[in-house]
Amino acid sequence: CGAVTGSSQIIQKIYNLQVLLGTQSDPFSSWLVCRGIRTLDLRVKR
């Protein structure tokens, strides 16, 4: 999975392209990454 973060204006341009190219993350991978990030702060410090 991957992500791009920034201002709403720039991200909207990328989203519009993503809809056409079909580069979106799938539901299960999105769910897995959300689950993983919940423990990110604990993991990266160790």
PDB file of all heavy atoms in Angstrom:
ATOM      1  N   CYS A   1       0.852  -1.193   0.000  1.00  0.00           N
ATOM      2  CA  CYS A   1       0.000   0.000   0.000  1.00  0.00           C
ATOM      3  C   CYS A   1       0.888   1.243   0.000  1.00  0.00           C
ATOM      4  O   CYS A   1       2.081   1.172   0.330  1.00  0.00           O
ATOM      5  CB  CYS A   1      -0.879  -0.011   1.257  1.00  0.00           C
ATOM      6  SG  CYS A   1      -2.372   0.988   1.176  1.00  0.00           S
ATOM      7  N   GLY A   2       0.326   2.391  -0.377  1.00  0.00           N
ATOM      8  CA  GLY A   2       1.059   3.646  -0.354  1.00  0.00           C
ATOM      9  C   GLY A   2       0.126   4.809  -0.123  1.00  0.00           C
ATOM     10  O   GLY A   2      -1.099   4.650  -0.141  1.00  0.00           O
ATOM     11  N   ALA A   3       0.689   5.988   0.096  1.00  0.00           N
ATOM     12  CA  ALA A   3      -0.140   7.172   0.330  1.00  0.00           C
ATOM     13  C   ALA A   3       0.620   8.433  -0.054  1.00  0.00           C
ATOM     14  O   ALA A   3       1.853   8.475  -0.022  1.00  0.00           O
ATOM     15  CB  ALA A   3      -0.583   7.248   1.787  1.00  0.00           C
ATOM     16  N   VAL A   4      -0.151   9.459  -0.414  1.00  0.00           N
ATOM     17  CA  VAL A   4       0.369  10.809  -0.643  1.00  0.00           C
ATOM     18  C   VAL A   4      -0.436  11.752   0.236  1.00  0.00           C
ATOM     19  O   VAL A   4      -1.670  11.656   0.282  1.00  0.00           O
ATOM     20  CB  VAL A   4       0.231  11.249  -2.117  1.00  0.00           C
ATOM     21  CG1 VAL A   4       1.016  12.540  -2.353  1.00  0.00           C
ATOM     22  CG2 VAL A   4       0.682  10.153  -3.064  1.00  0.00           C
ATOM     23  N   THR A   5       0.256  12.658   0.923  1.00  0.00           N
ATOM     24  CA  THR A   5      -0.400  13.602   1.827  1.00  0.00           C
ATOM     25  C   THR A   5       0.083  15.011   1.535  1.00  0.00           C
ATOM     26  O   THR A   5       1.264  15.225   1.248  1.00  0.00           O
ATOM     27  CB  THR A   5      -0.086  13.251   3.301  1.00  0.00           C
ATOM     28  OG1 THR A   5      -0.470  11.898   3.563  1.00  0.00           O
ATOM     29  CG2 THR A   5      -0.836  14.177   4.257  1.00  0.00           C
ATOM     30  N   GLY A   6      -0.825  15.974   1.606  1.00  0.00           N
ATOM     31  CA  GLY A   6      -0.460  17.367   1.387  1.00  0.00           C
ATOM     32  C   GLY A   6      -1.654  18.275   1.520  1.00  0.00           C
ATOM     33  O   GLY A   6      -2.597  17.966   2.267  1.00  0.00           O
ATOM     34  N   SER A   7      -1.663  19.369   0.780  1.00  0.00           N
ATOM     35  CA  SER A   7      -2.795  20.297   0.818  1.00  0.00           C
ATOM     36  C   SER A   7      -3.976  19.701   0.066  1.00  0.00           C
ATOM     37  O   SER A   7      -3.819  18.865  -0.829  1.00  0.00           O
ATOM     38  CB  SER A   7      -2.405  21.629   0.187  1.00  0.00           C
ATOM     39  OG  SER A   7      -2.247  21.487  -1.221  1.00  0.00           O
ATOM     40  N   SER A   8      -5.164  20.146   0.409  1.00  0.00           N
ATOM     41  CA  SER A   8      -6.371  19.630  -0.239  1.00  0.00           C
ATOM     42  C   SER A   8      -6.338  19.876  -1.739  1.00  0.00           C
ATOM     43  O   SER A   8      -6.759  19.018  -2.531  1.00  0.00           O
ATOM     44  CB  SER A   8      -7.607  20.297   0.376  1.00  0.00           C
ATOM     45  OG  SER A   8      -7.713  19.979   1.750  1.00  0.00           O
ATOM     46  N   GLN A   9      -5.827  21.035  -2.153  1.00  0.00           N
ATOM     47  CA  GLN A   9      -5.807  21.390  -3.570  1.00  0.00           C
ATOM     48  C   GLN A   9      -4.909  20.452  -4.373  1.00  0.00           C
ATOM     49  O   GLN A   9      -5.296  19.964  -5.444  1.00  0.00           O
ATOM     50  CB  GLN A   9      -5.331  22.834  -3.734  1.00  0.00           C
ATOM     51  CG  GLN A   9      -5.309  23.321  -5.172  1.00  0.00           C
ATOM     52  CD  GLN A   9      -4.852  24.780  -5.282  1.00  0.00           C
ATOM     53  OE1 GLN A   9      -4.437  25.388  -4.307  1.00  0.00           O
ATOM     54  NE2 GLN A   9      -4.920  25.329  -6.487  1.00  0.00           N
ATOM     55  N   ILE A  10      -3.711  20.190  -3.876  1.00  0.00           N
ATOM     56  CA  ILE A  10      -2.788  19.311  -4.600  1.00  0.00           C
ATOM     57  C   ILE A  10      -3.284  17.874  -4.581  1.00  0.00           C
ATOM     58  O   ILE A  10      -3.213  17.152  -5.587  1.00  0.00           O
ATOM     59  CB  ILE A  10      -1.365  19.402  -4.017  1.00  0.00           C
ATOM     60  CG1 ILE A  10      -0.841  20.843  -4.073  1.00  0.00           C
ATOM     61  CG2 ILE A  10      -0.423  18.478  -4.780  1.00  0.00           C
ATOM     62  CD1 ILE A  10       0.513  21.033  -3.423  1.00  0.00           C
ATOM     63  N   ILE A  11      -3.798  17.434  -3.441  1.00  0.00           N
ATOM     64  CA  ILE A  11      -4.283  16.063  -3.330  1.00  0.00           C
ATOM     65  C   ILE A  11      -5.468  15.829  -4.259  1.00  0.00           C
ATOM     66  O   ILE A  11      -5.629  14.739  -4.827  1.00  0.00           O
ATOM     67  CB  ILE A  11      -4.647  15.733  -1.869  1.00  0.00           C
ATOM     68  CG1 ILE A  11      -3.383  15.709  -1.000  1.00  0.00           C
ATOM     69  CG2 ILE A  11      -5.376  14.392  -1.782  1.00  0.00           C
ATOM     70  CD1 ILE A  11      -2.336  14.695  -1.412  1.00  0.00           C
ATOM     71  N   GLN A  12      -6.309  16.833  -4.454  1.00  0.00           N
ATOM     72  CA  GLN A  12      -7.444  16.676  -5.372  1.00  0.00           C
ATOM     73  C   GLN A  12      -6.959  16.373  -6.785  1.00  0.00           C
ATOM     74  O   GLN A  12      -7.540  15.540  -7.492  1.00  0.00           O
ATOM     75  CB  GLN A  12      -8.306  17.945  -5.374  1.00  0.00           C
ATOM     76  CG  GLN A  12      -9.576  17.833  -6.213  1.00  0.00           C
ATOM     77  CD  GLN A  12     -10.541  16.790  -5.693  1.00  0.00           C
ATOM     78  OE1 GLN A  12     -10.813  16.740  -4.495  1.00  0.00           O
ATOM     79  NE2 GLN A  12     -11.067  15.953  -6.584  1.00  0.00           N
ATOM     80  N   LYS A  13      -5.877  17.026  -7.221  1.00  0.00           N
ATOM     81  CA  LYS A  13      -5.303  16.749  -8.538  1.00  0.00           C
ATOM     82  C   LYS A  13      -4.853  15.288  -8.632  1.00  0.00           C
ATOM     83  O   LYS A  13      -5.077  14.617  -9.646  1.00  0.00           O
ATOM     84  CB  LYS A  13      -4.109  17.667  -8.810  1.00  0.00           C
ATOM     85  CG  LYS A  13      -4.444  19.114  -9.086  1.00  0.00           C
ATOM     86  CD  LYS A  13      -3.173  19.951  -9.204  1.00  0.00           C
ATOM     87  CE  LYS A  13      -2.249  19.434 -10.295  1.00  0.00           C
ATOM     88  NZ  LYS A  13      -1.018  20.268 -10.402  1.00  0.00           N
ATOM     89  N   ILE A  14      -4.219  14.811  -7.578  1.00  0.00           N
ATOM     90  CA  ILE A  14      -3.722  13.433  -7.578  1.00  0.00           C
ATOM     91  C   ILE A  14      -4.892  12.457  -7.538  1.00  0.00           C
ATOM     92  O   ILE A  14      -4.880  11.419  -8.216  1.00  0.00           O
ATOM     93  CB  ILE A  14      -2.759  13.214  -6.394  1.00  0.00           C
ATOM     94  CG1 ILE A  14      -1.558  14.155  -6.510  1.00  0.00           C
ATOM     95  CG2 ILE A  14      -2.297  11.765  -6.343  1.00  0.00           C
ATOM     96  CD1 ILE A  14      -0.659  14.161  -5.295  1.00  0.00           C
ATOM     97  N   TYR A  15      -5.927  12.787  -6.756  1.00  0.00           N
ATOM     98  CA  TYR A  15      -7.111  11.928  -6.692  1.00  0.00           C
ATOM     99  C   TYR A  15      -7.773  11.810  -8.058  1.00  0.00           C
ATOM    100  O   TYR A  15      -8.153  10.714  -8.487  1.00  0.00           O
ATOM    101  CB  TYR A  15      -8.100  12.475  -5.663  1.00  0.00           C
ATOM    102  CG  TYR A  15      -9.453  11.795  -5.717  1.00  0.00           C
ATOM    103  CD1 TYR A  15      -9.638  10.522  -5.177  1.00  0.00           C
ATOM    104  CD2 TYR A  15     -10.530  12.414  -6.347  1.00  0.00           C
ATOM    105  CE1 TYR A  15     -10.866   9.893  -5.259  1.00  0.00           C
ATOM    106  CE2 TYR A  15     -11.769  11.791  -6.426  1.00  0.00           C
ATOM    107  CZ  TYR A  15     -11.932  10.535  -5.873  1.00  0.00           C
ATOM    108  OH  TYR A  15     -13.155   9.906  -5.962  1.00  0.00           O
ATOM    109  N   ASN A  16      -7.904  12.922  -8.754  1.00  0.00           N
ATOM    110  CA  ASN A  16      -8.524  12.893 -10.082  1.00  0.00           C
ATOM    111  C   ASN A  16      -7.756  11.976 -11.020  1.00  0.00           C
ATOM    112  O   ASN A  16      -8.345  11.225 -11.816  1.00  0.00           O
ATOM    113  CB  ASN A  16      -8.597  14.302 -10.665  1.00  0.00           C
ATOM    114  CG  ASN A  16      -9.546  15.208  -9.898  1.00  0.00           C
ATOM    115  OD1 ASN A  16     -10.416  14.741  -9.160  1.00  0.00           O
ATOM    116  ND2 ASN A  16      -9.382  16.519 -10.060  1.00  0.00           N
ATOM    117  N   LEU A  17      -6.420  12.030 -10.950  1.00  0.00           N
ATOM    118  CA  LEU A  17      -5.591  11.141 -11.765  1.00  0.00           C
ATOM    119  C   LEU A  17      -5.753   9.696 -11.314  1.00  0.00           C
ATOM    120  O   LEU A  17      -5.848   8.777 -12.139  1.00  0.00           O
ATOM    121  CB  LEU A  17      -4.125  11.575 -11.671  1.00  0.00           C
ATOM    122  CG  LEU A  17      -3.112  10.700 -12.415  1.00  0.00           C
ATOM    123  CD1 LEU A  17      -3.309  10.817 -13.925  1.00  0.00           C
ATOM    124  CD2 LEU A  17      -1.686  11.088 -12.037  1.00  0.00           C
ATOM    125  N   GLN A  18      -5.806   9.478 -10.003  1.00  0.00           N
ATOM    126  CA  GLN A  18      -5.931   8.126  -9.467  1.00  0.00           C
ATOM    127  C   GLN A  18      -7.208   7.444  -9.945  1.00  0.00           C
ATOM    128  O   GLN A  18      -7.189   6.252 -10.287  1.00  0.00           O
ATOM    129  CB  GLN A  18      -5.922   8.171  -7.934  1.00  0.00           C
ATOM    130  CG  GLN A  18      -6.056   6.810  -7.278  1.00  0.00           C
ATOM    131  CD  GLN A  18      -6.157   6.900  -5.771  1.00  0.00           C
ATOM    132  OE1 GLN A  18      -7.170   7.342  -5.236  1.00  0.00           O
ATOM    133  NE2 GLN A  18      -5.104   6.489  -5.079  1.00  0.00           N
ATOM    134  N   VAL A  19      -8.302   8.175  -9.988  1.00  0.00           N
ATOM    135  CA  VAL A  19      -9.563   7.601 -10.446  1.00  0.00           C
ATOM    136  C   VAL A  19      -9.431   7.096 -11.879  1.00  0.00           C
ATOM    137  O   VAL A  19      -9.961   6.038 -12.243  1.00  0.00           O
ATOM    138  CB  VAL A  19     -10.702   8.637 -10.333  1.00  0.00           C
ATOM    139  CG1 VAL A  19     -11.965   8.137 -11.042  1.00  0.00           C
ATOM    140  CG2 VAL A  19     -11.012   8.930  -8.868  1.00  0.00           C
ATOM    141  N   LEU A  20      -8.687   7.826 -12.710  1.00  0.00           N
ATOM    142  CA  LEU A  20      -8.513   7.429 -14.104  1.00  0.00           C
ATOM    143  C   LEU A  20      -7.521   6.278 -14.267  1.00  0.00           C
ATOM    144  O   LEU A  20      -7.729   5.379 -15.069  1.00  0.00           O
ATOM    145  CB  LEU A  20      -8.046   8.630 -14.927  1.00  0.00           C
ATOM    146  CG  LEU A  20      -9.034   9.813 -15.010  1.00  0.00           C
ATOM    147  CD1 LEU A  20      -8.404  10.956 -15.786  1.00  0.00           C
ATOM    148  CD2 LEU A  20     -10.348   9.389 -15.654  1.00  0.00           C
ATOM    149  N   LEU A  21      -6.438   6.311 -13.498  1.00  0.00           N
ATOM    150  CA  LEU A  21      -5.402   5.281 -13.627  1.00  0.00           C
ATOM    151  C   LEU A  21      -5.729   4.018 -12.835  1.00  0.00           C
ATOM    152  O   LEU A  21      -5.177   2.953 -13.105  1.00  0.00           O
ATOM    153  CB  LEU A  21      -4.044   5.830 -13.168  1.00  0.00           C
ATOM    154  CG  LEU A  21      -3.459   6.982 -13.980  1.00  0.00           C
ATOM    155  CD1 LEU A  21      -2.083   7.359 -13.434  1.00  0.00           C
ATOM    156  CD2 LEU A  21      -3.350   6.615 -15.459  1.00  0.00           C
ATOM    157  N   GLY A  22      -6.598   4.134 -11.839  1.00  0.00           N
ATOM    158  CA  GLY A  22      -6.946   2.974 -11.020  1.00  0.00           C
ATOM    159  C   GLY A  22      -5.842   2.544 -10.069  1.00  0.00           C
ATOM    160  O   GLY A  22      -5.621   1.350  -9.855  1.00  0.00           O
ATOM    161  N   THR A  23      -5.157   3.518  -9.477  1.00  0.00           N
ATOM    162  CA  THR A  23      -4.036   3.196  -8.584  1.00  0.00           C
ATOM    163  C   THR A  23      -4.447   3.172  -7.114  1.00  0.00           C
ATOM    164  O   THR A  23      -3.609   3.213  -6.234  1.00  0.00           O
ATOM    165  CB  THR A  23      -2.904   4.224  -8.755  1.00  0.00           C
ATOM    166  OG1 THR A  23      -3.408   5.533  -8.422  1.00  0.00           O
ATOM    167  CG2 THR A  23      -2.364   4.226 -10.168  1.00  0.00           C
ATOM    168  N   GLN A  24      -5.742   3.098  -6.832  1.00  0.00           N
ATOM    169  CA  GLN A  24      -6.220   3.166  -5.456  1.00  0.00           C
ATOM    170  C   GLN A  24      -5.879   1.896  -4.669  1.00  0.00           C
ATOM    171  O   GLN A  24      -5.731   0.819  -5.227  1.00  0.00           O
ATOM    172  CB  GLN A  24      -7.734   3.407  -5.424  1.00  0.00           C
ATOM    173  CG  GLN A  24      -8.592   2.236  -5.874  1.00  0.00           C
ATOM    174  CD  GLN A  24      -8.573   2.027  -7.368  1.00  0.00           C
ATOM    175  OE1 GLN A  24      -8.369   2.961  -8.130  1.00  0.00           O
ATOM    176  NE2 GLN A  24      -8.764   0.787  -7.794  1.00  0.00           N
ATOM    177  N   SER A  25      -5.772   2.042  -3.357  1.00  0.00           N
ATOM    178  CA  SER A  25      -5.555   0.885  -2.488  1.00  0.00           C
ATOM    179  C   SER A  25      -6.843   0.085  -2.382  1.00  0.00           C
ATOM    180  O   SER A  25      -7.946   0.637  -2.401  1.00  0.00           O
ATOM    181  CB  SER A  25      -5.096   1.333  -1.095  1.00  0.00           C
ATOM    182  OG  SER A  25      -6.064   2.178  -0.493  1.00  0.00           O
ATOM    183  N   ASP A  26      -6.718  -1.226  -2.273  1.00  0.00           N
ATOM    184  CA  ASP A  26      -7.898  -2.073  -2.159  1.00  0.00           C
ATOM    185  C   ASP A  26      -8.417  -2.080  -0.722  1.00  0.00           C
ATOM    186  O   ASP A  26      -7.686  -1.720   0.207  1.00  0.00           O
ATOM    187  CB  ASP A  26      -7.580  -3.498  -2.621  1.00  0.00           C
ATOM    188  CG  ASP A  26      -6.619  -4.206  -1.679  1.00  0.00           C
ATOM    189  OD1 ASP A  26      -7.086  -4.845  -0.715  1.00  0.00           O
ATOM    190  OD2 ASP A  26      -5.397  -4.110  -1.897  1.00  0.00           O
ATOM    191  N   PRO A  27      -9.665  -2.473  -0.494  1.00  0.00           N
ATOM    192  CA  PRO A  27     -10.250  -2.399   0.846  1.00  0.00           C
ATOM    193  C   PRO A  27      -9.491  -3.204   1.902  1.00  0.00           C
ATOM    194  O   PRO A  27      -9.263  -2.717   3.008  1.00  0.00           O
ATOM    195  CB  PRO A  27     -11.663  -2.954   0.642  1.00  0.00           C
ATOM    196  CG  PRO A  27     -11.971  -2.681  -0.788  1.00  0.00           C
ATOM    197  CD  PRO A  27     -10.672  -2.834  -1.513  1.00  0.00           C
ATOM    198  N   PHE A  28      -9.101  -4.435   1.578  1.00  0.00           N
ATOM    199  CA  PHE A  28      -8.451  -5.267   2.597  1.00  0.00           C
ATOM    200  C   PHE A  28      -7.087  -4.716   2.979  1.00  0.00           C
ATOM    201  O   PHE A  28      -6.741  -4.651   4.158  1.00  0.00           O
ATOM    202  CB  PHE A  28      -8.329  -6.705   2.084  1.00  0.00           C
ATOM    203  CG  PHE A  28      -7.851  -7.679   3.141  1.00  0.00           C
ATOM    204  CD1 PHE A  28      -8.272  -7.577   4.454  1.00  0.00           C
ATOM    205  CD2 PHE A  28      -6.982  -8.700   2.803  1.00  0.00           C
ATOM    206  CE1 PHE A  28      -7.840  -8.477   5.422  1.00  0.00           C
ATOM    207  CE2 PHE A  28      -6.541  -9.607   3.753  1.00  0.00           C
ATOM    208  CZ  PHE A  28      -6.971  -9.501   5.072  1.00  0.00           C
ATOM    209  N   SER A  29      -6.299  -4.289   1.984  1.00  0.00           N
ATOM    210  CA  SER A  29      -4.993  -3.706   2.291  1.00  0.00           C
ATOM    211  C   SER A  29      -5.158  -2.422   3.108  1.00  0.00           C
ATOM    212  O   SER A  29      -4.392  -2.172   4.041  1.00  0.00           O
ATOM    213  CB  SER A  29      -4.219  -3.414   1.004  1.00  0.00           C
ATOM    214  OG  SER A  29      -3.900  -4.600   0.315  1.00  0.00           O
ATOM    215  N   SER A  30      -6.151  -1.614   2.753  1.00  0.00           N
ATOM    216  CA  SER A  30      -6.415  -0.389   3.511  1.00  0.00           C
ATOM    217  C   SER A  30      -6.747  -0.729   4.963  1.00  0.00           C
ATOM    218  O   SER A  30      -6.269  -0.068   5.892  1.00  0.00           O
ATOM    219  CB  SER A  30      -7.577   0.393   2.878  1.00  0.00           C
ATOM    220  OG  SER A  30      -7.279   0.751   1.550  1.00  0.00           O
ATOM    221  N   TRP A  31      -7.554  -1.750   5.142  1.00  0.00           N
ATOM    222  CA  TRP A  31      -7.931  -2.184   6.497  1.00  0.00           C
ATOM    223  C   TRP A  31      -6.705  -2.683   7.265  1.00  0.00           C
ATOM    224  O   TRP A  31      -6.508  -2.339   8.434  1.00  0.00           O
ATOM    225  CB  TRP A  31      -8.990  -3.281   6.402  1.00  0.00           C
ATOM    226  CG  TRP A  31      -9.492  -3.775   7.724  1.00  0.00           C
ATOM    227  CD1 TRP A  31     -10.532  -3.279   8.462  1.00  0.00           C
ATOM    228  CD2 TRP A  31      -8.961  -4.876   8.476  1.00  0.00           C
ATOM    229  NE1 TRP A  31     -10.686  -4.003   9.627  1.00  0.00           N
ATOM    230  CE2 TRP A  31      -9.734  -4.988   9.670  1.00  0.00           C
ATOM    231  CE3 TRP A  31      -7.922  -5.775   8.266  1.00  0.00           C
ATOM    232  CZ2 TRP A  31      -9.495  -5.967  10.633  1.00  0.00           C
ATOM    233  CZ3 TRP A  31      -7.678  -6.751   9.231  1.00  0.00           C
ATOM    234  CH2 TRP A  31      -8.451  -6.840  10.390  1.00  0.00           C
ATOM    235  N   LEU A  32      -5.868  -3.486   6.597  1.00  0.00           N
ATOM    236  CA  LEU A  32      -4.676  -4.014   7.254  1.00  0.00           C
ATOM    237  C   LEU A  32      -3.737  -2.892   7.695  1.00  0.00           C
ATOM    238  O   LEU A  32      -3.189  -2.914   8.796  1.00  0.00           O
ATOM    239  CB  LEU A  32      -3.933  -4.966   6.311  1.00  0.00           C
ATOM    240  CG  LEU A  32      -4.516  -6.360   6.130  1.00  0.00           C
ATOM    241  CD1 LEU A  32      -3.813  -7.083   4.993  1.00  0.00           C
ATOM    242  CD2 LEU A  32      -4.413  -7.174   7.422  1.00  0.00           C
ATOM    243  N   VAL A  33      -3.541  -1.905   6.809  1.00  0.00           N
ATOM    244  CA  VAL A  33      -2.621  -0.812   7.141  1.00  0.00           C
ATOM    245  C   VAL A  33      -3.178   0.047   8.272  1.00  0.00           C
ATOM    246  O   VAL A  33      -2.425   0.464   9.162  1.00  0.00           O
ATOM    247  CB  VAL A  33      -2.311   0.031   5.891  1.00  0.00           C
ATOM    248  CG1 VAL A  33      -1.468   1.246   6.261  1.00  0.00           C
ATOM    249  CG2 VAL A  33      -1.581  -0.813   4.847  1.00  0.00           C
ATOM    250  N   CYS A  34      -4.473   0.299   8.260  1.00  0.00           N
ATOM    251  CA  CYS A  34      -5.073   1.016   9.399  1.00  0.00           C
ATOM    252  C   CYS A  34      -4.798   0.273  10.706  1.00  0.00           C
ATOM    253  O   CYS A  34      -4.424   0.884  11.708  1.00  0.00           O
ATOM    254  CB  CYS A  34      -6.581   1.168   9.206  1.00  0.00           C
ATOM    255  SG  CYS A  34      -7.083   2.490   8.094  1.00  0.00           S
ATOM    256  N   ARG A  35      -4.992  -1.027  10.667  1.00  0.00           N
ATOM    257  CA  ARG A  35      -4.709  -1.841  11.850  1.00  0.00           C
ATOM    258  C   ARG A  35      -3.255  -1.729  12.266  1.00  0.00           C
ATOM    259  O   ARG A  35      -2.922  -1.572  13.445  1.00  0.00           O
ATOM    260  CB  ARG A  35      -5.057  -3.309  11.561  1.00  0.00           C
ATOM    261  CG  ARG A  35      -4.744  -4.268  12.699  1.00  0.00           C
ATOM    262  CD  ARG A  35      -4.254  -5.599  12.173  1.00  0.00           C
ATOM    263  NE  ARG A  35      -3.069  -5.436  11.329  1.00  0.00           N
ATOM    264  CZ  ARG A  35      -2.467  -6.428  10.709  1.00  0.00           C
ATOM    265  NH1 ARG A  35      -2.963  -7.652  10.783  1.00  0.00           N
ATOM    266  NH2 ARG A  35      -1.391  -6.208   9.974  1.00  0.00           N
ATOM    267  N   GLY A  36      -2.340  -1.790  11.282  1.00  0.00           N
ATOM    268  CA  GLY A  36      -0.922  -1.717  11.593  1.00  0.00           C
ATOM    269  C   GLY A  36      -0.513  -0.386  12.195  1.00  0.00           C
ATOM    270  O   GLY A  36       0.296  -0.324  13.121  1.00  0.00           O
ATOM    271  N   ILE A  37      -1.064   0.705  11.665  1.00  0.00           N
ATOM    272  CA  ILE A  37      -0.679   2.039  12.134  1.00  0.00           C
ATOM    273  C   ILE A  37      -1.067   2.269  13.592  1.00  0.00           C
ATOM    274  O   ILE A  37      -0.440   3.077  14.284  1.00  0.00           O
ATOM    275  CB  ILE A  37      -1.293   3.123  11.217  1.00  0.00           C
ATOM    276  CG1 ILE A  37      -0.614   3.075   9.840  1.00  0.00           C
ATOM    277  CG2 ILE A  37      -1.129   4.524  11.806  1.00  0.00           C
ATOM    278  CD1 ILE A  37      -1.220   4.025   8.817  1.00  0.00           C
ATOM    279  N   ARG A  38      -2.070   1.544  14.077  1.00  0.00           N
ATOM    280  CA  ARG A  38      -2.496   1.739  15.470  1.00  0.00           C
ATOM    281  C   ARG A  38      -1.348   1.526  16.458  1.00  0.00           C
ATOM    282  O   ARG A  38      -1.324   2.144  17.517  1.00  0.00           O
ATOM    283  CB  ARG A  38      -3.650   0.791  15.826  1.00  0.00           C
ATOM    284  CG  ARG A  38      -4.861   0.867  14.912  1.00  0.00           C
ATOM    285  CD  ARG A  38      -5.470   2.245  14.824  1.00  0.00           C
ATOM    286  NE  ARG A  38      -6.625   2.247  13.907  1.00  0.00           N
ATOM    287  CZ  ARG A  38      -7.184   3.326  13.426  1.00  0.00           C
ATOM    288  NH1 ARG A  38      -6.731   4.533  13.743  1.00  0.00           N
ATOM    289  NH2 ARG A  38      -8.214   3.235  12.598  1.00  0.00           N
ATOM    290  N   THR A  39      -0.409   0.664  16.119  1.00  0.00           N
ATOM    291  CA  THR A  39       0.722   0.388  17.016  1.00  0.00           C
ATOM    292  C   THR A  39       2.015   1.038  16.541  1.00  0.00           C
ATOM    293  O   THR A  39       3.090   0.738  17.068  1.00  0.00           O
ATOM    294  CB  THR A  39       0.947  -1.132  17.158  1.00  0.00           C
ATOM    295  OG1 THR A  39       1.251  -1.687  15.858  1.00  0.00           O
ATOM    296  CG2 THR A  39      -0.288  -1.821  17.720  1.00  0.00           C
ATOM    297  N   LEU A  40       1.929   1.921  15.553  1.00  0.00           N
ATOM    298  CA  LEU A  40       3.130   2.512  14.949  1.00  0.00           C
ATOM    299  C   LEU A  40       3.998   3.226  15.981  1.00  0.00           C
ATOM    300  O   LEU A  40       5.222   3.041  16.009  1.00  0.00           O
ATOM    301  CB  LEU A  40       2.718   3.479  13.841  1.00  0.00           C
ATOM    302  CG  LEU A  40       3.842   4.257  13.159  1.00  0.00           C
ATOM    303  CD1 LEU A  40       4.797   3.318  12.444  1.00  0.00           C
ATOM    304  CD2 LEU A  40       3.263   5.269  12.162  1.00  0.00           C
ATOM    305  N   ASP A  41       3.405   4.042  16.804  1.00  0.00           N
ATOM    306  CA  ASP A  41       4.182   4.830  17.764  1.00  0.00           C
ATOM    307  C   ASP A  41       4.977   3.928  18.696  1.00  0.00           C
ATOM    308  O   ASP A  41       6.139   4.213  19.020  1.00  0.00           O
ATOM    309  CB  ASP A  41       3.238   5.730  18.571  1.00  0.00           C
ATOM    310  CG  ASP A  41       3.995   6.741  19.423  1.00  0.00           C
ATOM    311  OD1 ASP A  41       4.876   7.427  18.878  1.00  0.00           O
ATOM    312  OD2 ASP A  41       3.710   6.834  20.627  1.00  0.00           O
ATOM    313  N   LEU A  42       4.378   2.827  19.115  1.00  0.00           N
ATOM    314  CA  LEU A  42       5.077   1.887  19.995  1.00  0.00           C
ATOM    315  C   LEU A  42       6.209   1.189  19.252  1.00  0.00           C
ATOM    316  O   LEU A  42       7.320   1.048  19.783  1.00  0.00           O
ATOM    317  CB  LEU A  42       4.093   0.839  20.534  1.00  0.00           C
ATOM    318  CG  LEU A  42       2.916   1.348  21.362  1.00  0.00           C
ATOM    319  CD1 LEU A  42       1.951   0.208  21.657  1.00  0.00           C
ATOM    320  CD2 LEU A  42       3.402   1.978  22.657  1.00  0.00           C
ATOM    321  N   ARG A  43       5.938   0.755  18.030  1.00  0.00           N
ATOM    322  CA  ARG A  43       6.922  -0.019  17.284  1.00  0.00           C
ATOM    323  C   ARG A  43       8.141   0.800  16.899  1.00  0.00           C
ATOM    324  O   ARG A  43       9.288   0.375  17.097  1.00  0.00           O
ATOM    325  CB  ARG A  43       6.274  -0.620  16.026  1.00  0.00           C
ATOM    326  CG  ARG A  43       5.308  -1.752  16.306  1.00  0.00           C
ATOM    327  CD  ARG A  43       4.800  -2.385  15.023  1.00  0.00           C
ATOM    328  NE  ARG A  43       3.818  -1.558  14.326  1.00  0.00           N
ATOM    329  CZ  ARG A  43       4.054  -0.857  13.234  1.00  0.00           C
ATOM    330  NH1 ARG A  43       5.279  -0.868  12.684  1.00  0.00           N
ATOM    331  NH2 ARG A  43       3.099  -0.149  12.648  1.00  0.00           N
ATOM    332  N   VAL A  44       7.926   1.990  16.319  1.00  0.00           N
ATOM    333  CA  VAL A  44       9.070   2.722  15.776  1.00  0.00           C
ATOM    334  C   VAL A  44      10.013   3.215  16.873  1.00  0.00           C
ATOM    335  O   VAL A  44      11.223   3.326  16.644  1.00  0.00           O
ATOM    336  CB  VAL A  44       8.628   3.896  14.884  1.00  0.00           C
ATOM    337  CG1 VAL A  44       7.893   3.386  13.663  1.00  0.00           C
ATOM    338  CG2 VAL A  44       7.779   4.908  15.642  1.00  0.00           C
ATOM    339  N   LYS A  45       9.494   3.477  18.043  1.00  0.00           N
ATOM    340  CA  LYS A  45      10.376   3.893  19.136  1.00  0.00           C
ATOM    341  C   LYS A  45      11.296   2.752  19.547  1.00  0.00           C
ATOM    342  O   LYS A  45      12.498   2.947  19.769  1.00  0.00           O
ATOM    343  CB  LYS A  45       9.543   4.389  20.316  1.00  0.00           C
ATOM    344  CG  LYS A  45       8.892   5.746  20.075  1.00  0.00           C
ATOM    345  CD  LYS A  45       8.032   6.190  21.247  1.00  0.00           C
ATOM    346  CE  LYS A  45       7.423   7.569  20.965  1.00  0.00           C
ATOM    347  NZ  LYS A  45       6.512   8.010  22.041  1.00  0.00           N
ATOM    348  N   ARG A  46      10.734   1.558  19.626  1.00  0.00           N
ATOM    349  CA  ARG A  46      11.574   0.414  19.987  1.00  0.00           C
ATOM    350  C   ARG A  46      12.531   0.066  18.851  1.00  0.00           C
ATOM    351  O   ARG A  46      13.702  -0.257  19.095  1.00  0.00           O
ATOM    352  CB  ARG A  46      10.692  -0.794  20.323  1.00  0.00           C
ATOM    353  CG  ARG A  46      11.480  -2.033  20.671  1.00  0.00           C
ATOM    354  CD  ARG A  46      10.733  -2.932  21.583  1.00  0.00           C
ATOM    355  NE  ARG A  46      11.466  -4.163  21.845  1.00  0.00           N
ATOM    356  CZ  ARG A  46      11.225  -4.966  22.859  1.00  0.00           C
ATOM    357  NH1 ARG A  46      10.270  -4.662  23.718  1.00  0.00           N
ATOM    358  NH2 ARG A  46      11.913  -6.068  23.025  1.00  0.00           N
TER     359      ARG A  46
END
